[in-house]
Amino acid sequence: MSNTIEYAAGVQDAALALFLQEDNADKLTDILVDALDEAFRILNEELVSRPLN
């Protein structure tokens, strides 16, 4: 796994602003939950792939 963090601040900030402007909190919540699930999946894969000492 790479230690490089991919972050497109401008794109994410613009998307967040659009959701807030349109008052679309449910869809924003769904996106945030999906992102959190993905983060946990990545962490789980990282833990499983580490050799036990």
C-alpha atoms as a PDB file:
ATOM      1  CA  MET A   1       0.000   0.000   0.000  1.00  0.00           C
ATOM      2  CA  SER A   2       1.272   3.405  -0.895  1.00  0.00           C
ATOM      3  CA  ASN A   3       1.806   6.098   1.702  1.00  0.00           C
ATOM      4  CA  THR A   4       0.658   8.675  -0.832  1.00  0.00           C
ATOM      5  CA  ILE A   5      -2.637  10.303   0.053  1.00  0.00           C
ATOM      6  CA  GLU A   6      -4.734  11.323  -2.910  1.00  0.00           C
ATOM      7  CA  TYR A   7      -6.705  14.451  -2.128  1.00  0.00           C
ATOM      8  CA  ALA A   8      -8.307  16.765  -4.606  1.00  0.00           C
ATOM      9  CA  ALA A   9      -9.311  19.561  -2.229  1.00  0.00           C
ATOM     10  CA  GLY A  10     -10.817  21.792  -4.877  1.00  0.00           C
ATOM     11  CA  VAL A  11     -13.051  19.112  -6.345  1.00  0.00           C
ATOM     12  CA  GLN A  12     -14.210  17.802  -2.975  1.00  0.00           C
ATOM     13  CA  ASP A  13     -14.813  21.274  -1.589  1.00  0.00           C
ATOM     14  CA  ALA A  14     -16.812  22.232  -4.671  1.00  0.00           C
ATOM     15  CA  ALA A  15     -18.907  19.058  -4.429  1.00  0.00           C
ATOM     16  CA  LEU A  16     -19.559  19.686  -0.741  1.00  0.00           C
ATOM     17  CA  ALA A  17     -20.567  23.281  -1.431  1.00  0.00           C
ATOM     18  CA  LEU A  18     -22.967  22.125  -4.146  1.00  0.00           C
ATOM     19  CA  PHE A  19     -24.623  19.586  -1.833  1.00  0.00           C
ATOM     20  CA  LEU A  20     -24.995  22.181   0.898  1.00  0.00           C
ATOM     21  CA  GLN A  21     -26.351  24.754  -1.539  1.00  0.00           C
ATOM     22  CA  GLU A  22     -28.958  22.297  -2.835  1.00  0.00           C
ATOM     23  CA  ASP A  23     -29.809  21.216   0.744  1.00  0.00           C
ATOM     24  CA  ASN A  24     -29.247  17.587  -0.224  1.00  0.00           C
ATOM     25  CA  ALA A  25     -28.075  16.275   3.143  1.00  0.00           C
ATOM     26  CA  ASP A  26     -29.302  12.703   2.606  1.00  0.00           C
ATOM     27  CA  LYS A  27     -27.192  12.183  -0.500  1.00  0.00           C
ATOM     28  CA  LEU A  28     -24.202  13.825   1.174  1.00  0.00           C
ATOM     29  CA  THR A  29     -24.610  11.490   4.158  1.00  0.00           C
ATOM     30  CA  ASP A  30     -24.691   8.485   1.821  1.00  0.00           C
ATOM     31  CA  ILE A  31     -21.466   9.627   0.144  1.00  0.00           C
ATOM     32  CA  LEU A  32     -19.749  10.185   3.488  1.00  0.00           C
ATOM     33  CA  VAL A  33     -20.838   6.773   4.797  1.00  0.00           C
ATOM     34  CA  ASP A  34     -19.543   5.114   1.608  1.00  0.00           C
ATOM     35  CA  ALA A  35     -16.215   6.919   2.009  1.00  0.00           C
ATOM     36  CA  LEU A  36     -15.971   5.790   5.629  1.00  0.00           C
ATOM     37  CA  ASP A  37     -16.762   2.195   4.652  1.00  0.00           C
ATOM     38  CA  GLU A  38     -14.020   2.353   2.018  1.00  0.00           C
ATOM     39  CA  ALA A  39     -11.543   3.723   4.561  1.00  0.00           C
ATOM     40  CA  PHE A  40     -12.343   0.884   6.975  1.00  0.00           C
ATOM     41  CA  ARG A  41     -12.005  -1.665   4.164  1.00  0.00           C
ATOM     42  CA  ILE A  42      -8.562  -0.299   3.283  1.00  0.00           C
ATOM     43  CA  LEU A  43      -7.478  -0.356   6.933  1.00  0.00           C
ATOM     44  CA  ASN A  44      -8.728  -3.923   7.297  1.00  0.00           C
ATOM     45  CA  GLU A  45      -6.800  -5.028   4.212  1.00  0.00           C
ATOM     46  CA  GLU A  46      -3.692  -3.344   5.598  1.00  0.00           C
ATOM     47  CA  LEU A  47      -4.038  -5.148   8.934  1.00  0.00           C
ATOM     48  CA  VAL A  48      -4.684  -8.523   7.294  1.00  0.00           C
ATOM     49  CA  SER A  49      -1.714  -8.192   4.949  1.00  0.00           C
ATOM     50  CA  ARG A  50       0.795  -7.436   7.751  1.00  0.00           C
ATOM     51  CA  PRO A  51       2.901 -10.379   8.815  1.00  0.00           C
ATOM     52  CA  LEU A  52       2.689 -11.372  12.456  1.00  0.00           C
ATOM     53  CA  ASN A  53       6.004 -11.110  14.311  1.00  0.00           C
END
